[in-house]
């Protein structure tokens, strides 16, 4: 069954997130001061681990073969975080 799952992210350069195979990331946003990734998933599919990377504007992009999935502004838009998978 398809549904939308929410994944709260830690403010770290790199982390591992477990999602069902075939998950489609649909947005990244700030919810109650927590960076959250939303994905449309098949809730019956087996889980797989994937890397999520967070970089601030001006920070080095030292990842390989990644896709940008969203950007979020914090602290009255003084900080902008960019999320990649």
N, C-alpha and C. Protein backbone atom coordinates (compact mmCIF):
# COMPACT_ATOMS: atom_id res chain seq x y z
N UNK A 1 0.82 -1.17 0.00
CA UNK A 1 0.00 0.00 0.00
C UNK A 1 0.88 1.25 0.00
N UNK A 2 0.56 2.21 -0.85
CA UNK A 2 1.31 3.47 -0.90
C UNK A 2 0.84 4.39 0.22
N UNK A 3 1.81 5.03 0.87
CA UNK A 3 1.52 6.00 1.92
C UNK A 3 2.69 6.98 2.00
N UNK A 4 2.54 8.00 2.79
CA UNK A 4 3.62 8.98 2.98
C UNK A 4 4.20 8.79 4.37
N UNK A 5 5.51 8.64 4.41
CA UNK A 5 6.22 8.51 5.68
C UNK A 5 7.10 9.74 5.89
N UNK A 6 7.32 10.04 7.16
CA UNK A 6 8.12 11.19 7.57
C UNK A 6 9.38 10.70 8.25
N UNK A 7 10.50 11.33 7.91
CA UNK A 7 11.80 10.96 8.47
C UNK A 7 12.46 12.20 9.08
N UNK A 8 12.40 12.39 10.40
CA UNK A 8 13.13 13.50 11.03
C UNK A 8 14.63 13.28 10.82
N UNK A 9 15.33 14.35 10.46
CA UNK A 9 16.77 14.26 10.20
C UNK A 9 17.54 14.98 11.30
N UNK A 10 18.69 14.43 11.62
CA UNK A 10 19.61 15.09 12.54
C UNK A 10 20.41 16.13 11.74
N UNK A 11 20.79 17.20 12.38
CA UNK A 11 21.60 18.22 11.71
C UNK A 11 23.06 17.77 11.68
N UNK A 12 23.33 16.78 10.85
CA UNK A 12 24.67 16.22 10.68
C UNK A 12 24.98 16.17 9.20
N UNK A 13 26.27 16.19 8.87
CA UNK A 13 26.68 16.14 7.46
C UNK A 13 26.19 14.90 6.75
N UNK A 14 26.17 13.78 7.45
CA UNK A 14 25.81 12.50 6.82
C UNK A 14 25.10 11.61 7.83
N UNK A 15 24.07 10.92 7.38
CA UNK A 15 23.36 9.96 8.22
C UNK A 15 22.75 8.88 7.35
N UNK A 16 22.39 7.77 7.96
CA UNK A 16 21.75 6.66 7.26
C UNK A 16 20.28 6.63 7.65
N UNK A 17 19.43 6.48 6.63
CA UNK A 17 17.99 6.40 6.85
C UNK A 17 17.49 5.12 6.20
N UNK A 18 16.61 4.40 6.90
CA UNK A 18 16.02 3.17 6.35
C UNK A 18 14.64 3.50 5.78
N UNK A 19 14.47 3.20 4.48
CA UNK A 19 13.21 3.43 3.79
C UNK A 19 12.85 2.18 3.00
N UNK A 20 11.56 1.99 2.71
CA UNK A 20 11.18 0.87 1.86
C UNK A 20 11.80 1.02 0.46
N UNK A 21 12.16 -0.11 -0.14
CA UNK A 21 12.69 -0.10 -1.51
C UNK A 21 11.72 0.66 -2.40
N UNK A 22 12.26 1.52 -3.28
CA UNK A 22 11.44 2.27 -4.23
C UNK A 22 10.83 3.54 -3.67
N UNK A 23 11.20 3.92 -2.46
CA UNK A 23 10.66 5.15 -1.86
C UNK A 23 10.94 6.34 -2.77
N UNK A 24 9.96 7.23 -2.90
CA UNK A 24 10.10 8.44 -3.71
C UNK A 24 10.06 9.64 -2.78
N UNK A 25 11.17 10.35 -2.67
CA UNK A 25 11.24 11.52 -1.80
C UNK A 25 10.43 12.63 -2.44
N UNK A 26 9.50 13.20 -1.65
CA UNK A 26 8.62 14.22 -2.22
C UNK A 26 8.87 15.62 -1.67
N UNK A 27 9.48 15.74 -0.49
CA UNK A 27 9.80 17.08 0.01
C UNK A 27 10.71 17.00 1.23
N UNK A 28 11.31 18.14 1.50
CA UNK A 28 12.09 18.34 2.72
C UNK A 28 11.63 19.68 3.28
N UNK A 29 11.31 19.71 4.57
CA UNK A 29 10.87 20.98 5.15
C UNK A 29 11.22 21.04 6.62
N UNK A 30 10.96 22.19 7.19
CA UNK A 30 11.21 22.41 8.61
C UNK A 30 9.89 22.27 9.34
N UNK A 31 9.83 21.38 10.33
CA UNK A 31 8.63 21.18 11.11
C UNK A 31 8.99 21.30 12.59
N UNK A 32 8.50 22.32 13.23
CA UNK A 32 8.82 22.58 14.64
C UNK A 32 10.33 22.60 14.87
N UNK A 33 11.04 23.30 14.01
CA UNK A 33 12.49 23.46 14.08
C UNK A 33 13.26 22.16 13.88
N UNK A 34 12.63 21.16 13.29
CA UNK A 34 13.30 19.90 12.95
C UNK A 34 13.25 19.73 11.44
N UNK A 35 14.39 19.42 10.85
CA UNK A 35 14.46 19.14 9.41
C UNK A 35 13.82 17.78 9.16
N UNK A 36 12.84 17.73 8.26
CA UNK A 36 12.08 16.51 8.02
C UNK A 36 12.05 16.20 6.54
N UNK A 37 12.26 14.94 6.20
CA UNK A 37 12.18 14.45 4.83
C UNK A 37 10.90 13.63 4.72
N UNK A 38 10.12 13.86 3.67
CA UNK A 38 8.90 13.11 3.42
C UNK A 38 9.08 12.27 2.17
N UNK A 39 8.58 11.04 2.22
CA UNK A 39 8.70 10.14 1.08
C UNK A 39 7.40 9.36 0.88
N UNK A 40 7.06 9.14 -0.39
CA UNK A 40 5.95 8.27 -0.72
C UNK A 40 6.53 6.87 -0.82
N UNK A 41 5.95 5.94 -0.06
CA UNK A 41 6.54 4.61 0.04
C UNK A 41 5.47 3.53 -0.13
N UNK A 42 5.94 2.35 -0.48
CA UNK A 42 5.11 1.14 -0.43
C UNK A 42 5.38 0.55 0.95
N UNK A 43 4.43 0.67 1.85
CA UNK A 43 4.66 0.27 3.24
C UNK A 43 4.87 -1.23 3.41
N UNK A 44 4.58 -2.01 2.36
CA UNK A 44 4.81 -3.45 2.42
C UNK A 44 6.18 -3.87 1.91
N UNK A 45 6.91 -2.93 1.30
CA UNK A 45 8.22 -3.25 0.72
C UNK A 45 9.27 -3.38 1.82
N UNK A 46 10.30 -4.20 1.59
CA UNK A 46 11.37 -4.33 2.58
C UNK A 46 12.17 -3.04 2.70
N UNK A 47 12.73 -2.83 3.88
CA UNK A 47 13.53 -1.63 4.14
C UNK A 47 14.95 -1.79 3.62
N UNK A 48 15.49 -0.68 3.13
CA UNK A 48 16.90 -0.62 2.73
C UNK A 48 17.50 0.65 3.33
N UNK A 49 18.78 0.63 3.58
CA UNK A 49 19.49 1.79 4.13
C UNK A 49 19.99 2.67 3.01
N UNK A 50 19.88 3.97 3.21
CA UNK A 50 20.41 4.93 2.24
C UNK A 50 21.01 6.11 2.98
N UNK A 51 21.95 6.76 2.33
CA UNK A 51 22.63 7.92 2.92
C UNK A 51 21.87 9.20 2.62
N UNK A 52 21.82 10.08 3.60
CA UNK A 52 21.29 11.42 3.45
C UNK A 52 22.40 12.38 3.85
N UNK A 53 22.63 13.40 3.02
CA UNK A 53 23.69 14.38 3.26
C UNK A 53 23.06 15.75 3.42
N UNK A 54 23.55 16.53 4.38
CA UNK A 54 23.08 17.89 4.60
C UNK A 54 24.28 18.82 4.51
N UNK A 55 24.14 19.85 3.68
CA UNK A 55 25.22 20.83 3.52
C UNK A 55 24.63 22.23 3.58
N UNK A 56 25.35 23.11 4.24
CA UNK A 56 24.95 24.51 4.28
C UNK A 56 25.46 25.23 3.04
N UNK A 57 24.84 26.36 2.74
CA UNK A 57 25.31 27.18 1.62
C UNK A 57 26.76 27.56 1.86
N UNK A 58 27.60 27.35 0.86
CA UNK A 58 29.03 27.65 0.95
C UNK A 58 29.87 26.51 1.48
N UNK A 59 29.26 25.44 1.96
CA UNK A 59 30.01 24.28 2.45
C UNK A 59 30.46 23.41 1.28
N UNK A 60 31.57 22.70 1.41
CA UNK A 60 32.06 21.83 0.33
C UNK A 60 31.06 20.70 0.02
N UNK A 61 30.92 20.41 -1.26
CA UNK A 61 30.06 19.31 -1.71
C UNK A 61 30.97 18.14 -2.08
N UNK A 62 31.38 17.38 -1.07
CA UNK A 62 32.35 16.31 -1.28
C UNK A 62 31.68 14.94 -1.42
N UNK A 63 30.40 14.93 -1.87
CA UNK A 63 29.69 13.67 -2.06
C UNK A 63 29.79 13.28 -3.54
N UNK A 64 29.61 12.00 -3.82
CA UNK A 64 29.67 11.50 -5.19
C UNK A 64 28.33 10.87 -5.54
N UNK A 65 27.85 11.13 -6.76
CA UNK A 65 26.63 10.50 -7.27
C UNK A 65 25.44 10.72 -6.35
N UNK A 66 25.11 12.00 -6.08
CA UNK A 66 23.99 12.33 -5.22
C UNK A 66 22.96 13.16 -5.99
N UNK A 67 21.78 13.26 -5.43
CA UNK A 67 20.68 14.03 -6.02
C UNK A 67 20.14 14.98 -4.97
N UNK A 68 19.97 16.26 -5.34
CA UNK A 68 19.40 17.26 -4.44
C UNK A 68 17.91 16.98 -4.29
N UNK A 69 17.41 16.94 -3.04
CA UNK A 69 15.99 16.67 -2.81
C UNK A 69 15.26 17.83 -2.13
N UNK A 70 15.99 18.85 -1.71
CA UNK A 70 15.32 20.00 -1.13
C UNK A 70 16.26 20.90 -0.34
N UNK A 71 15.81 22.13 -0.12
CA UNK A 71 16.55 23.11 0.68
C UNK A 71 15.60 23.75 1.67
N UNK A 72 16.13 24.08 2.85
CA UNK A 72 15.30 24.63 3.93
C UNK A 72 16.03 25.79 4.57
N UNK A 73 15.31 26.90 4.80
CA UNK A 73 15.88 28.07 5.47
C UNK A 73 15.53 28.02 6.95
N UNK A 74 16.50 28.39 7.78
CA UNK A 74 16.30 28.43 9.24
C UNK A 74 16.79 29.77 9.78
N UNK A 75 16.45 30.04 11.02
CA UNK A 75 16.90 31.25 11.74
C UNK A 75 16.64 32.50 10.91
N UNK A 76 15.37 32.75 10.62
CA UNK A 76 14.96 33.91 9.83
C UNK A 76 15.68 33.98 8.49
N UNK A 77 15.91 32.82 7.91
CA UNK A 77 16.53 32.66 6.59
C UNK A 77 18.02 33.02 6.57
N UNK A 78 18.64 33.10 7.75
CA UNK A 78 20.08 33.35 7.80
C UNK A 78 20.87 32.10 7.44
N UNK A 79 20.31 30.91 7.68
CA UNK A 79 20.96 29.65 7.35
C UNK A 79 20.09 28.88 6.36
N UNK A 80 20.70 28.37 5.30
CA UNK A 80 19.97 27.53 4.37
C UNK A 80 20.71 26.20 4.26
N UNK A 81 19.96 25.11 4.49
CA UNK A 81 20.49 23.75 4.43
C UNK A 81 19.98 23.08 3.17
N UNK A 82 20.86 22.35 2.51
CA UNK A 82 20.55 21.67 1.26
C UNK A 82 20.69 20.15 1.53
N UNK A 83 19.66 19.39 1.15
CA UNK A 83 19.61 17.96 1.46
C UNK A 83 19.78 17.17 0.17
N UNK A 84 20.65 16.15 0.24
CA UNK A 84 20.98 15.29 -0.90
C UNK A 84 20.83 13.83 -0.49
N UNK A 85 20.48 13.00 -1.47
CA UNK A 85 20.47 11.55 -1.25
C UNK A 85 21.26 10.90 -2.36
